[in-house]
């Protein structure tokens, strides 16, 4: 299936009645070929609003403000995550479900949102059954001085390169000053605990990696997107280049379950989750830019 997403940022009340798409689902390429629909598209019959005269049949879910990077868990296709950029206070990660309503513009993250003016009047919270974010962070948690932030949705880490991160959902802030992992417990519960984690660059990276003055984290610029290759290794597309998450020992971090001999110089952290990066040659920057934006994200 082909999923797309269009945010709902206009001054409109909930529940949405105009023909505005928050998240939509279209037929697979195989179905389009069989039905000779190239140059057009068709809508799956099990989409939730195919018989609703007030909503577009393409719509799969509602109440998203500005989705930025969505991905499936490669081992559990029912786990479909989307980062959703907030307005004033909160950045969120949602698990997208059929016919789900994620609350905007009645809620921003887990909190009530009160727009100054809404065409058609303000709706009551009783008019919807909102699904709240499974992960996220407040603007003031990230930047107490300015309160500015913008989430970049990531992916569930399934590479064997860093076994301590396996199965965790990795996401970041656009401004590259923070990164988080979300861990689900118990498994298949949908309950996630999110934790801010340190990250750095490998000293033996083939391309030098600058450090932000006065800080320990690398100078990545802006984090635009995450991507995965056929080995499930995870890449970050940033304004300064493309980075790959590598083995923790490359930066002298110790992962307790990594099968390697610990060097006397390795140090443990309070968290076993410490992404380390190696710079992928920036010669391929625009090539990766194209791939990440057209292939790895939905």
C-alpha atoms as a PDB file:
ATOM      1  CA  UNK A   1       0.000   0.000   0.000  1.00  0.00           C
ATOM      2  CA  UNK A   2       1.033   3.597  -0.514  1.00  0.00           C
ATOM      3  CA  UNK A   3       0.682   5.857   2.507  1.00  0.00           C
ATOM      4  CA  UNK A   4       0.961   9.606   2.404  1.00  0.00           C
ATOM      5  CA  UNK A   5       0.393  12.365   4.877  1.00  0.00           C
ATOM      6  CA  UNK A   6      -0.831  15.921   4.735  1.00  0.00           C
ATOM      7  CA  UNK A   7      -1.048  17.970   7.885  1.00  0.00           C
ATOM      8  CA  UNK A   8      -4.083  19.895   9.081  1.00  0.00           C
ATOM      9  CA  UNK A   9      -2.769  23.351   9.954  1.00  0.00           C
ATOM     10  CA  UNK A  10      -5.643  25.533   8.848  1.00  0.00           C
ATOM     11  CA  UNK A  11      -7.978  27.258  11.299  1.00  0.00           C
ATOM     12  CA  UNK A  12     -10.655  24.580  11.362  1.00  0.00           C
ATOM     13  CA  UNK A  13     -12.544  22.795  14.077  1.00  0.00           C
ATOM     14  CA  UNK A  14     -12.731  19.109  15.007  1.00  0.00           C
ATOM     15  CA  UNK A  15     -14.171  16.773  13.874  1.00  0.00           C
ATOM     16  CA  UNK A  16     -12.964  17.521  10.363  1.00  0.00           C
ATOM     17  CA  UNK A  17     -15.730  17.806   7.807  1.00  0.00           C
ATOM     18  CA  UNK A  18     -14.049  19.542   4.864  1.00  0.00           C
ATOM     19  CA  UNK A  19     -12.107  17.511   2.361  1.00  0.00           C
ATOM     20  CA  UNK A  20      -8.698  17.783   4.006  1.00  0.00           C
ATOM     21  CA  UNK A  21      -6.473  14.732   4.274  1.00  0.00           C
ATOM     22  CA  UNK A  22      -4.474  13.998   7.433  1.00  0.00           C
ATOM     23  CA  UNK A  23      -3.160  10.586   6.449  1.00  0.00           C
ATOM     24  CA  UNK A  24      -4.215   8.630   3.386  1.00  0.00           C
ATOM     25  CA  UNK A  25      -3.789   5.136   1.935  1.00  0.00           C
ATOM     26  CA  UNK A  26      -3.891   4.128  -1.710  1.00  0.00           C
ATOM     27  CA  UNK A  27      -3.653   0.807  -3.536  1.00  0.00           C
ATOM     28  CA  UNK A  28      -0.404  -1.087  -3.992  1.00  0.00           C
ATOM     29  CA  UNK A  29       1.579  -0.956  -7.243  1.00  0.00           C
ATOM     30  CA  UNK A  30       0.498  -4.520  -8.045  1.00  0.00           C
ATOM     31  CA  UNK A  31      -3.176  -3.598  -7.747  1.00  0.00           C
ATOM     32  CA  UNK A  32      -2.689  -0.464  -9.848  1.00  0.00           C
ATOM     33  CA  UNK A  33      -1.007  -2.549 -12.562  1.00  0.00           C
ATOM     34  CA  UNK A  34      -3.724  -5.232 -12.533  1.00  0.00           C
ATOM     35  CA  UNK A  35      -6.474  -2.625 -12.687  1.00  0.00           C
ATOM     36  CA  UNK A  36      -4.684  -0.634 -15.416  1.00  0.00           C
ATOM     37  CA  UNK A  37      -4.770   2.470 -13.245  1.00  0.00           C
ATOM     38  CA  UNK A  38      -1.333   3.913 -13.961  1.00  0.00           C
ATOM     39  CA  UNK A  39      -1.676   7.687 -14.204  1.00  0.00           C
ATOM     40  CA  UNK A  40      -4.552   7.374 -11.747  1.00  0.00           C
ATOM     41  CA  UNK A  41      -5.052   5.509  -8.489  1.00  0.00           C
ATOM     42  CA  UNK A  42      -7.671   3.569  -6.561  1.00  0.00           C
ATOM     43  CA  UNK A  43      -8.743   3.533  -2.935  1.00  0.00           C
ATOM     44  CA  UNK A  44      -8.675   0.288  -0.890  1.00  0.00           C
ATOM     45  CA  UNK A  45     -12.189  -0.896  -0.117  1.00  0.00           C
ATOM     46  CA  UNK A  46     -11.397  -1.265   3.595  1.00  0.00           C
ATOM     47  CA  UNK A  47     -10.387   2.390   4.063  1.00  0.00           C
ATOM     48  CA  UNK A  48     -12.497   3.728   6.938  1.00  0.00           C
ATOM     49  CA  UNK A  49     -14.309   6.537   5.104  1.00  0.00           C
ATOM     50  CA  UNK A  50     -15.154   5.007   1.735  1.00  0.00           C
ATOM     51  CA  UNK A  51     -18.881   5.350   2.530  1.00  0.00           C
ATOM     52  CA  UNK A  52     -18.690   8.677   4.356  1.00  0.00           C
ATOM     53  CA  UNK A  53     -20.043  11.535   2.259  1.00  0.00           C
ATOM     54  CA  UNK A  54     -18.320  14.165   4.388  1.00  0.00           C
ATOM     55  CA  UNK A  55     -14.768  12.844   4.205  1.00  0.00           C
ATOM     56  CA  UNK A  56     -12.468  11.788   1.403  1.00  0.00           C
ATOM     57  CA  UNK A  57     -12.347   7.997   0.913  1.00  0.00           C
ATOM     58  CA  UNK A  58      -8.522   8.160   0.741  1.00  0.00           C
ATOM     59  CA  UNK A  59      -8.304   9.148   4.410  1.00  0.00           C
ATOM     60  CA  UNK A  60      -6.897   6.552   6.802  1.00  0.00           C
ATOM     61  CA  UNK A  61      -6.462   8.647   9.976  1.00  0.00           C
ATOM     62  CA  UNK A  62      -7.310  12.147  11.237  1.00  0.00           C
ATOM     63  CA  UNK A  63      -6.051  14.785  13.623  1.00  0.00           C
ATOM     64  CA  UNK A  64      -2.422  15.142  12.544  1.00  0.00           C
ATOM     65  CA  UNK A  65      -0.952  18.623  12.399  1.00  0.00           C
ATOM     66  CA  UNK A  66       2.227  18.342  10.304  1.00  0.00           C
ATOM     67  CA  UNK A  67       3.556  14.759   9.983  1.00  0.00           C
ATOM     68  CA  UNK A  68       7.296  14.648   9.342  1.00  0.00           C
ATOM     69  CA  UNK A  69       8.743  11.224   8.539  1.00  0.00           C
ATOM     70  CA  UNK A  70       6.753   8.023   8.941  1.00  0.00           C
ATOM     71  CA  UNK A  71       8.020   4.441   8.934  1.00  0.00           C
ATOM     72  CA  UNK A  72       7.008   0.861   9.626  1.00  0.00           C
ATOM     73  CA  UNK A  73       8.731  -1.493  12.030  1.00  0.00           C
ATOM     74  CA  UNK A  74      10.257  -3.988   9.597  1.00  0.00           C
ATOM     75  CA  UNK A  75       9.412  -6.863  11.950  1.00  0.00           C
ATOM     76  CA  UNK A  76       5.865  -5.768  12.830  1.00  0.00           C
ATOM     77  CA  UNK A  77       3.981  -4.196   9.958  1.00  0.00           C
ATOM     78  CA  UNK A  78       1.125  -3.098  12.225  1.00  0.00           C
ATOM     79  CA  UNK A  79       3.529  -0.711  13.959  1.00  0.00           C
ATOM     80  CA  UNK A  80       3.396   2.404  11.787  1.00  0.00           C
ATOM     81  CA  UNK A  81       5.036   5.434  13.415  1.00  0.00           C
ATOM     82  CA  UNK A  82       4.766   9.084  12.418  1.00  0.00           C
ATOM     83  CA  UNK A  83       6.525  12.071  13.891  1.00  0.00           C
ATOM     84  CA  UNK A  84       4.109  15.011  14.075  1.00  0.00           C
ATOM     85  CA  UNK A  85       5.405  18.570  14.429  1.00  0.00           C
ATOM     86  CA  UNK A  86       3.710  20.572  17.161  1.00  0.00           C
ATOM     87  CA  UNK A  87       2.785  24.221  17.254  1.00  0.00           C
ATOM     88  CA  UNK A  88       3.559  25.898  20.563  1.00  0.00           C
ATOM     89  CA  UNK A  89       4.549  23.277  23.097  1.00  0.00           C
ATOM     90  CA  UNK A  90       4.902  19.619  22.115  1.00  0.00           C
ATOM     91  CA  UNK A  91       6.499  17.357  19.472  1.00  0.00           C
ATOM     92  CA  UNK A  92       4.987  13.901  19.186  1.00  0.00           C
ATOM     93  CA  UNK A  93       5.371  10.376  17.822  1.00  0.00           C
ATOM     94  CA  UNK A  94       2.129   8.598  16.991  1.00  0.00           C
ATOM     95  CA  UNK A  95       1.327   4.993  16.158  1.00  0.00           C
ATOM     96  CA  UNK A  96      -1.028   5.357  13.226  1.00  0.00           C
ATOM     97  CA  UNK A  97      -4.113   3.140  13.246  1.00  0.00           C
ATOM     98  CA  UNK A  98      -7.066   2.802  10.920  1.00  0.00           C
ATOM     99  CA  UNK A  99      -9.726   5.434  11.694  1.00  0.00           C
ATOM    100  CA  UNK A 100      -7.527   6.907  14.432  1.00  0.00           C
ATOM    101  CA  UNK A 101      -8.014  10.514  15.477  1.00  0.00           C
ATOM    102  CA  UNK A 102      -4.845  12.068  16.919  1.00  0.00           C
ATOM    103  CA  UNK A 103      -6.481  15.103  18.389  1.00  0.00           C
ATOM    104  CA  UNK A 104      -5.280  18.179  16.535  1.00  0.00           C
ATOM    105  CA  UNK A 105      -6.649  20.960  16.914  1.00  0.00           C
ATOM    106  CA  UNK A 106      -8.213  20.036  20.213  1.00  0.00           C
ATOM    107  CA  UNK A 107      -4.994  18.584  21.601  1.00  0.00           C
ATOM    108  CA  UNK A 108      -1.318  19.283  21.074  1.00  0.00           C
ATOM    109  CA  UNK A 109       0.465  16.177  22.287  1.00  0.00           C
ATOM    110  CA  UNK A 110      -1.156  15.042  25.541  1.00  0.00           C
ATOM    111  CA  UNK A 111      -2.304  18.553  26.456  1.00  0.00           C
ATOM    112  CA  UNK A 112      -5.376  20.574  25.551  1.00  0.00           C
ATOM    113  CA  UNK A 113      -4.902  23.103  22.747  1.00  0.00           C
ATOM    114  CA  UNK A 114      -7.124  26.184  22.540  1.00  0.00           C
ATOM    115  CA  UNK A 115      -6.879  28.023  19.219  1.00  0.00           C
ATOM    116  CA  UNK A 116      -7.686  31.729  19.432  1.00  0.00           C
ATOM    117  CA  UNK A 117     -10.243  31.444  16.652  1.00  0.00           C
ATOM    118  CA  UNK A 118     -11.649  28.538  14.668  1.00  0.00           C
ATOM    119  CA  UNK A 119     -13.912  28.709  11.644  1.00  0.00           C
ATOM    120  CA  UNK A 120     -17.204  27.068  12.507  1.00  0.00           C
ATOM    121  CA  UNK A 121     -16.620  27.514  16.227  1.00  0.00           C
ATOM    122  CA  UNK A 122     -14.561  25.557  18.732  1.00  0.00           C
ATOM    123  CA  UNK A 123     -15.365  21.873  19.142  1.00  0.00           C
ATOM    124  CA  UNK A 124     -15.803  20.068  22.421  1.00  0.00           C
ATOM    125  CA  UNK A 125     -13.278  17.440  23.500  1.00  0.00           C
ATOM    126  CA  UNK A 126     -16.292  15.143  23.867  1.00  0.00           C
ATOM    127  CA  UNK A 127     -16.729  15.203  20.088  1.00  0.00           C
ATOM    128  CA  UNK A 128     -13.721  12.933  19.468  1.00  0.00           C
ATOM    129  CA  UNK A 129     -11.949   9.971  21.021  1.00  0.00           C
ATOM    130  CA  UNK A 130      -8.318  11.071  20.700  1.00  0.00           C
ATOM    131  CA  UNK A 131      -5.314   8.765  20.510  1.00  0.00           C
ATOM    132  CA  UNK A 132      -2.446  10.364  22.395  1.00  0.00           C
ATOM    133  CA  UNK A 133       1.238  10.156  21.408  1.00  0.00           C
ATOM    134  CA  UNK A 134       3.260   7.120  22.406  1.00  0.00           C
ATOM    135  CA  UNK A 135       6.415   9.253  22.633  1.00  0.00           C
ATOM    136  CA  UNK A 136       7.415  12.887  22.389  1.00  0.00           C
ATOM    137  CA  UNK A 137       8.997  15.887  24.084  1.00  0.00           C
ATOM    138  CA  UNK A 138       8.080  19.418  25.054  1.00  0.00           C
ATOM    139  CA  UNK A 139       9.715  22.454  23.485  1.00  0.00           C
ATOM    140  CA  UNK A 140      10.865  23.734  26.848  1.00  0.00           C
ATOM    141  CA  UNK A 141      12.439  20.397  27.721  1.00  0.00           C
ATOM    142  CA  UNK A 142      14.678  20.806  24.697  1.00  0.00           C
ATOM    143  CA  UNK A 143      15.355  24.519  24.652  1.00  0.00           C
ATOM    144  CA  UNK A 144      14.444  26.469  27.763  1.00  0.00           C
ATOM    145  CA  UNK A 145      15.636  29.754  26.289  1.00  0.00           C
ATOM    146  CA  UNK A 146      13.703  29.788  23.046  1.00  0.00           C
ATOM    147  CA  UNK A 147      11.164  27.000  23.360  1.00  0.00           C
ATOM    148  CA  UNK A 148      11.664  26.063  19.710  1.00  0.00           C
ATOM    149  CA  UNK A 149      11.764  22.531  18.380  1.00  0.00           C
ATOM    150  CA  UNK A 150      10.680  20.417  15.407  1.00  0.00           C
ATOM    151  CA  UNK A 151      10.577  16.620  15.463  1.00  0.00           C
ATOM    152  CA  UNK A 152      12.137  14.404  12.805  1.00  0.00           C
ATOM    153  CA  UNK A 153      10.428  11.028  12.919  1.00  0.00           C
ATOM    154  CA  UNK A 154      12.784   8.067  12.733  1.00  0.00           C
ATOM    155  CA  UNK A 155      12.542   4.298  12.628  1.00  0.00           C
ATOM    156  CA  UNK A 156      12.652   1.146  14.715  1.00  0.00           C
ATOM    157  CA  UNK A 157      16.297   0.088  14.882  1.00  0.00           C
ATOM    158  CA  UNK A 158      16.638  -3.498  13.560  1.00  0.00           C
ATOM    159  CA  UNK A 159      20.313  -3.584  12.631  1.00  0.00           C
ATOM    160  CA  UNK A 160      22.747  -5.955  14.332  1.00  0.00           C
ATOM    161  CA  UNK A 161      25.432  -3.260  14.300  1.00  0.00           C
ATOM    162  CA  UNK A 162      24.380  -1.873  17.700  1.00  0.00           C
ATOM    163  CA  UNK A 163      22.652  -4.684  19.622  1.00  0.00           C
ATOM    164  CA  UNK A 164      21.881  -2.425  22.577  1.00  0.00           C
ATOM    165  CA  UNK A 165      19.572  -0.326  20.393  1.00  0.00           C
ATOM    166  CA  UNK A 166      17.839  -3.260  18.708  1.00  0.00           C
ATOM    167  CA  UNK A 167      14.055  -2.924  18.720  1.00  0.00           C
ATOM    168  CA  UNK A 168      14.041   0.684  19.950  1.00  0.00           C
ATOM    169  CA  UNK A 169      12.404   3.525  18.046  1.00  0.00           C
ATOM    170  CA  UNK A 170      14.989   6.200  17.237  1.00  0.00           C
ATOM    171  CA  UNK A 171      14.023   9.813  16.567  1.00  0.00           C
ATOM    172  CA  UNK A 172      15.569  13.272  16.773  1.00  0.00           C
ATOM    173  CA  UNK A 173      14.986  16.988  16.729  1.00  0.00           C
ATOM    174  CA  UNK A 174      15.520  18.873  13.478  1.00  0.00           C
ATOM    175  CA  UNK A 175      18.054  21.186  15.119  1.00  0.00           C
ATOM    176  CA  UNK A 176      20.335  18.209  15.913  1.00  0.00           C
ATOM    177  CA  UNK A 177      20.745  19.036  19.594  1.00  0.00           C
ATOM    178  CA  UNK A 178      18.902  15.982  20.894  1.00  0.00           C
ATOM    179  CA  UNK A 179      18.067  12.393  20.032  1.00  0.00           C
ATOM    180  CA  UNK A 180      15.801   9.889  21.770  1.00  0.00           C
ATOM    181  CA  UNK A 181      15.004   6.185  21.824  1.00  0.00           C
ATOM    182  CA  UNK A 182      11.618   4.765  22.713  1.00  0.00           C
ATOM    183  CA  UNK A 183      11.516   1.317  24.293  1.00  0.00           C
ATOM    184  CA  UNK A 184       8.315  -0.711  24.436  1.00  0.00           C
ATOM    185  CA  UNK A 185       7.534  -2.706  27.581  1.00  0.00           C
ATOM    186  CA  UNK A 186       6.007  -5.178  27.741  1.00  0.00           C
ATOM    187  CA  UNK A 187       6.366  -6.224  24.118  1.00  0.00           C
ATOM    188  CA  UNK A 188       3.326  -5.638  21.918  1.00  0.00           C
ATOM    189  CA  UNK A 189       1.729  -3.479  24.606  1.00  0.00           C
ATOM    190  CA  UNK A 190       1.990  -0.168  22.768  1.00  0.00           C
ATOM    191  CA  UNK A 191       3.463   1.378  25.941  1.00  0.00           C
ATOM    192  CA  UNK A 192       6.731   3.178  25.289  1.00  0.00           C
ATOM    193  CA  UNK A 193       9.258   4.806  27.567  1.00  0.00           C
ATOM    194  CA  UNK A 194      11.256   7.511  25.819  1.00  0.00           C
ATOM    195  CA  UNK A 195      14.775   8.500  26.856  1.00  0.00           C
ATOM    196  CA  UNK A 196      17.099  11.234  25.651  1.00  0.00           C
ATOM    197  CA  UNK A 197      20.466   9.767  24.689  1.00  0.00           C
ATOM    198  CA  UNK A 198      23.991  11.047  24.025  1.00  0.00           C
ATOM    199  CA  UNK A 199      25.584  10.673  20.613  1.00  0.00           C
ATOM    200  CA  UNK A 200      28.948  11.362  19.068  1.00  0.00           C
ATOM    201  CA  UNK A 201      31.154  10.637  16.049  1.00  0.00           C
ATOM    202  CA  UNK A 202      33.782   7.937  15.671  1.00  0.00           C
ATOM    203  CA  UNK A 203      37.369   9.123  15.883  1.00  0.00           C
ATOM    204  CA  UNK A 204      38.275   6.978  12.862  1.00  0.00           C
ATOM    205  CA  UNK A 205      35.513   8.340  10.638  1.00  0.00           C
ATOM    206  CA  UNK A 206      36.821   8.626   7.036  1.00  0.00           C
ATOM    207  CA  UNK A 207      35.617  12.238   7.001  1.00  0.00           C
ATOM    208  CA  UNK A 208      36.196  14.608   9.889  1.00  0.00           C
ATOM    209  CA  UNK A 209      33.268  15.304  12.168  1.00  0.00           C
ATOM    210  CA  UNK A 210      33.172  18.682  13.889  1.00  0.00           C
ATOM    211  CA  UNK A 211      31.996  19.117  17.465  1.00  0.00           C
ATOM    212  CA  UNK A 212      29.613  21.890  18.517  1.00  0.00           C
ATOM    213  CA  UNK A 213      31.668  24.453  20.505  1.00  0.00           C
ATOM    214  CA  UNK A 214      31.048  24.079  24.221  1.00  0.00           C
ATOM    215  CA  UNK A 215      29.236  20.744  23.794  1.00  0.00           C
ATOM    216  CA  UNK A 216      30.092  17.090  23.320  1.00  0.00           C
ATOM    217  CA  UNK A 217      27.724  16.309  20.450  1.00  0.00           C
ATOM    218  CA  UNK A 218      28.714  16.501  16.777  1.00  0.00           C
ATOM    219  CA  UNK A 219      27.872  19.447  14.576  1.00  0.00           C
ATOM    220  CA  UNK A 220      25.305  17.861  12.272  1.00  0.00           C
ATOM    221  CA  UNK A 221      23.476  21.003  11.240  1.00  0.00           C
ATOM    222  CA  UNK A 222      19.857  19.965  10.691  1.00  0.00           C
ATOM    223  CA  UNK A 223      18.611  16.364  10.883  1.00  0.00           C
ATOM    224  CA  UNK A 224      16.175  16.044   7.981  1.00  0.00           C
ATOM    225  CA  UNK A 225      15.488  12.333   7.853  1.00  0.00           C
ATOM    226  CA  UNK A 226      16.401   8.768   8.793  1.00  0.00           C
ATOM    227  CA  UNK A 227      16.872   5.895   6.356  1.00  0.00           C
ATOM    228  CA  UNK A 228      17.777   2.194   6.332  1.00  0.00           C
ATOM    229  CA  UNK A 229      19.750   0.039   3.914  1.00  0.00           C
ATOM    230  CA  UNK A 230      19.251  -3.641   3.084  1.00  0.00           C
ATOM    231  CA  UNK A 231      21.198  -4.649   6.196  1.00  0.00           C
ATOM    232  CA  UNK A 232      18.921  -2.453   8.337  1.00  0.00           C
ATOM    233  CA  UNK A 233      21.805  -0.132   9.153  1.00  0.00           C
ATOM    234  CA  UNK A 234      20.411   3.308   9.948  1.00  0.00           C
ATOM    235  CA  UNK A 235      21.538   6.539   8.285  1.00  0.00           C
ATOM    236  CA  UNK A 236      20.917  10.153   9.187  1.00  0.00           C
ATOM    237  CA  UNK A 237      20.445  12.692   6.452  1.00  0.00           C
ATOM    238  CA  UNK A 238      21.621  16.066   7.734  1.00  0.00           C
ATOM    239  CA  UNK A 239      22.534  19.433   6.292  1.00  0.00           C
ATOM    240  CA  UNK A 240      26.213  18.626   6.890  1.00  0.00           C
ATOM    241  CA  UNK A 241      26.223  15.195   5.233  1.00  0.00           C
ATOM    242  CA  UNK A 242      25.043  11.606   5.618  1.00  0.00           C
ATOM    243  CA  UNK A 243      25.911   9.655   8.774  1.00  0.00           C
ATOM    244  CA  UNK A 244      25.654   5.953   9.587  1.00  0.00           C
ATOM    245  CA  UNK A 245      25.095   4.533  13.067  1.00  0.00           C
ATOM    246  CA  UNK A 246      27.987   2.198  13.849  1.00  0.00           C
ATOM    247  CA  UNK A 247      29.178  -0.169  16.578  1.00  0.00           C
ATOM    248  CA  UNK A 248      29.369   1.477  20.039  1.00  0.00           C
ATOM    249  CA  UNK A 249      32.959   0.332  20.525  1.00  0.00           C
ATOM    250  CA  UNK A 250      34.081   2.590  17.657  1.00  0.00           C
ATOM    251  CA  UNK A 251      33.586   5.497  20.064  1.00  0.00           C
ATOM    252  CA  UNK A 252      34.721   3.639  23.188  1.00  0.00           C
ATOM    253  CA  UNK A 253      31.180   3.032  24.416  1.00  0.00           C
ATOM    254  CA  UNK A 254      30.526  -0.355  25.986  1.00  0.00           C
ATOM    255  CA  UNK A 255      27.426  -2.315  24.997  1.00  0.00           C
ATOM    256  CA  UNK A 256      26.998  -5.179  27.477  1.00  0.00           C
ATOM    257  CA  UNK A 257      25.569  -7.552  24.882  1.00  0.00           C
ATOM    258  CA  UNK A 258      27.954  -6.710  22.044  1.00  0.00           C
ATOM    259  CA  UNK A 259      30.167  -9.683  21.199  1.00  0.00           C
ATOM    260  CA  UNK A 260      33.605  -8.147  21.354  1.00  0.00           C
ATOM    261  CA  UNK A 261      36.608  -7.881  23.610  1.00  0.00           C
ATOM    262  CA  UNK A 262      36.322  -4.749  25.725  1.00  0.00           C
ATOM    263  CA  UNK A 263      39.252  -2.402  25.400  1.00  0.00           C
ATOM    264  CA  UNK A 264      40.741  -0.948  28.629  1.00  0.00           C
ATOM    265  CA  UNK A 265      39.951   2.484  27.167  1.00  0.00           C
ATOM    266  CA  UNK A 266      36.257   1.761  26.681  1.00  0.00           C
ATOM    267  CA  UNK A 267      33.898   3.454  29.071  1.00  0.00           C
ATOM    268  CA  UNK A 268      30.360   2.611  30.065  1.00  0.00           C
ATOM    269  CA  UNK A 269      27.560   5.115  30.149  1.00  0.00           C
ATOM    270  CA  UNK A 270      24.548   5.349  32.425  1.00  0.00           C
ATOM    271  CA  UNK A 271      22.586   4.384  29.325  1.00  0.00           C
ATOM    272  CA  UNK A 272      23.481   1.421  27.066  1.00  0.00           C
ATOM    273  CA  UNK A 273      21.987   3.380  24.190  1.00  0.00           C
ATOM    274  CA  UNK A 274      24.647   5.677  22.763  1.00  0.00           C
ATOM    275  CA  UNK A 275      24.468   6.095  18.996  1.00  0.00           C
ATOM    276  CA  UNK A 276      27.844   6.607  17.394  1.00  0.00           C
ATOM    277  CA  UNK A 277      28.222   7.822  13.843  1.00  0.00           C
ATOM    278  CA  UNK A 278      30.635   7.503  11.006  1.00  0.00           C
ATOM    279  CA  UNK A 279      30.456  10.099   8.265  1.00  0.00           C
ATOM    280  CA  UNK A 280      29.462   8.720   4.887  1.00  0.00           C
ATOM    281  CA  UNK A 281      31.304  10.592   2.147  1.00  0.00           C
ATOM    282  CA  UNK A 282      29.474  13.827   1.440  1.00  0.00           C
ATOM    283  CA  UNK A 283      30.114  13.171  -2.253  1.00  0.00           C
ATOM    284  CA  UNK A 284      26.967  11.030  -2.081  1.00  0.00           C
ATOM    285  CA  UNK A 285      24.995  13.648  -0.160  1.00  0.00           C
ATOM    286  CA  UNK A 286      22.515  14.581  -2.856  1.00  0.00           C
ATOM    287  CA  UNK A 287      22.158  10.973  -3.988  1.00  0.00           C
ATOM    288  CA  UNK A 288      21.225   9.910  -0.454  1.00  0.00           C
ATOM    289  CA  UNK A 289      19.006  12.993  -0.150  1.00  0.00           C
ATOM    290  CA  UNK A 290      16.976  11.738  -3.099  1.00  0.00           C
ATOM    291  CA  UNK A 291      16.798   8.161  -1.856  1.00  0.00           C
ATOM    292  CA  UNK A 292      15.843   9.026   1.692  1.00  0.00           C
ATOM    293  CA  UNK A 293      13.074  11.334   0.635  1.00  0.00           C
ATOM    294  CA  UNK A 294      11.610   9.044  -2.018  1.00  0.00           C
ATOM    295  CA  UNK A 295      12.233   5.511  -0.798  1.00  0.00           C
ATOM    296  CA  UNK A 296      12.764   5.178   2.921  1.00  0.00           C
ATOM    297  CA  UNK A 297       9.949   7.310   4.305  1.00  0.00           C
ATOM    298  CA  UNK A 298       6.222   7.189   3.766  1.00  0.00           C
END
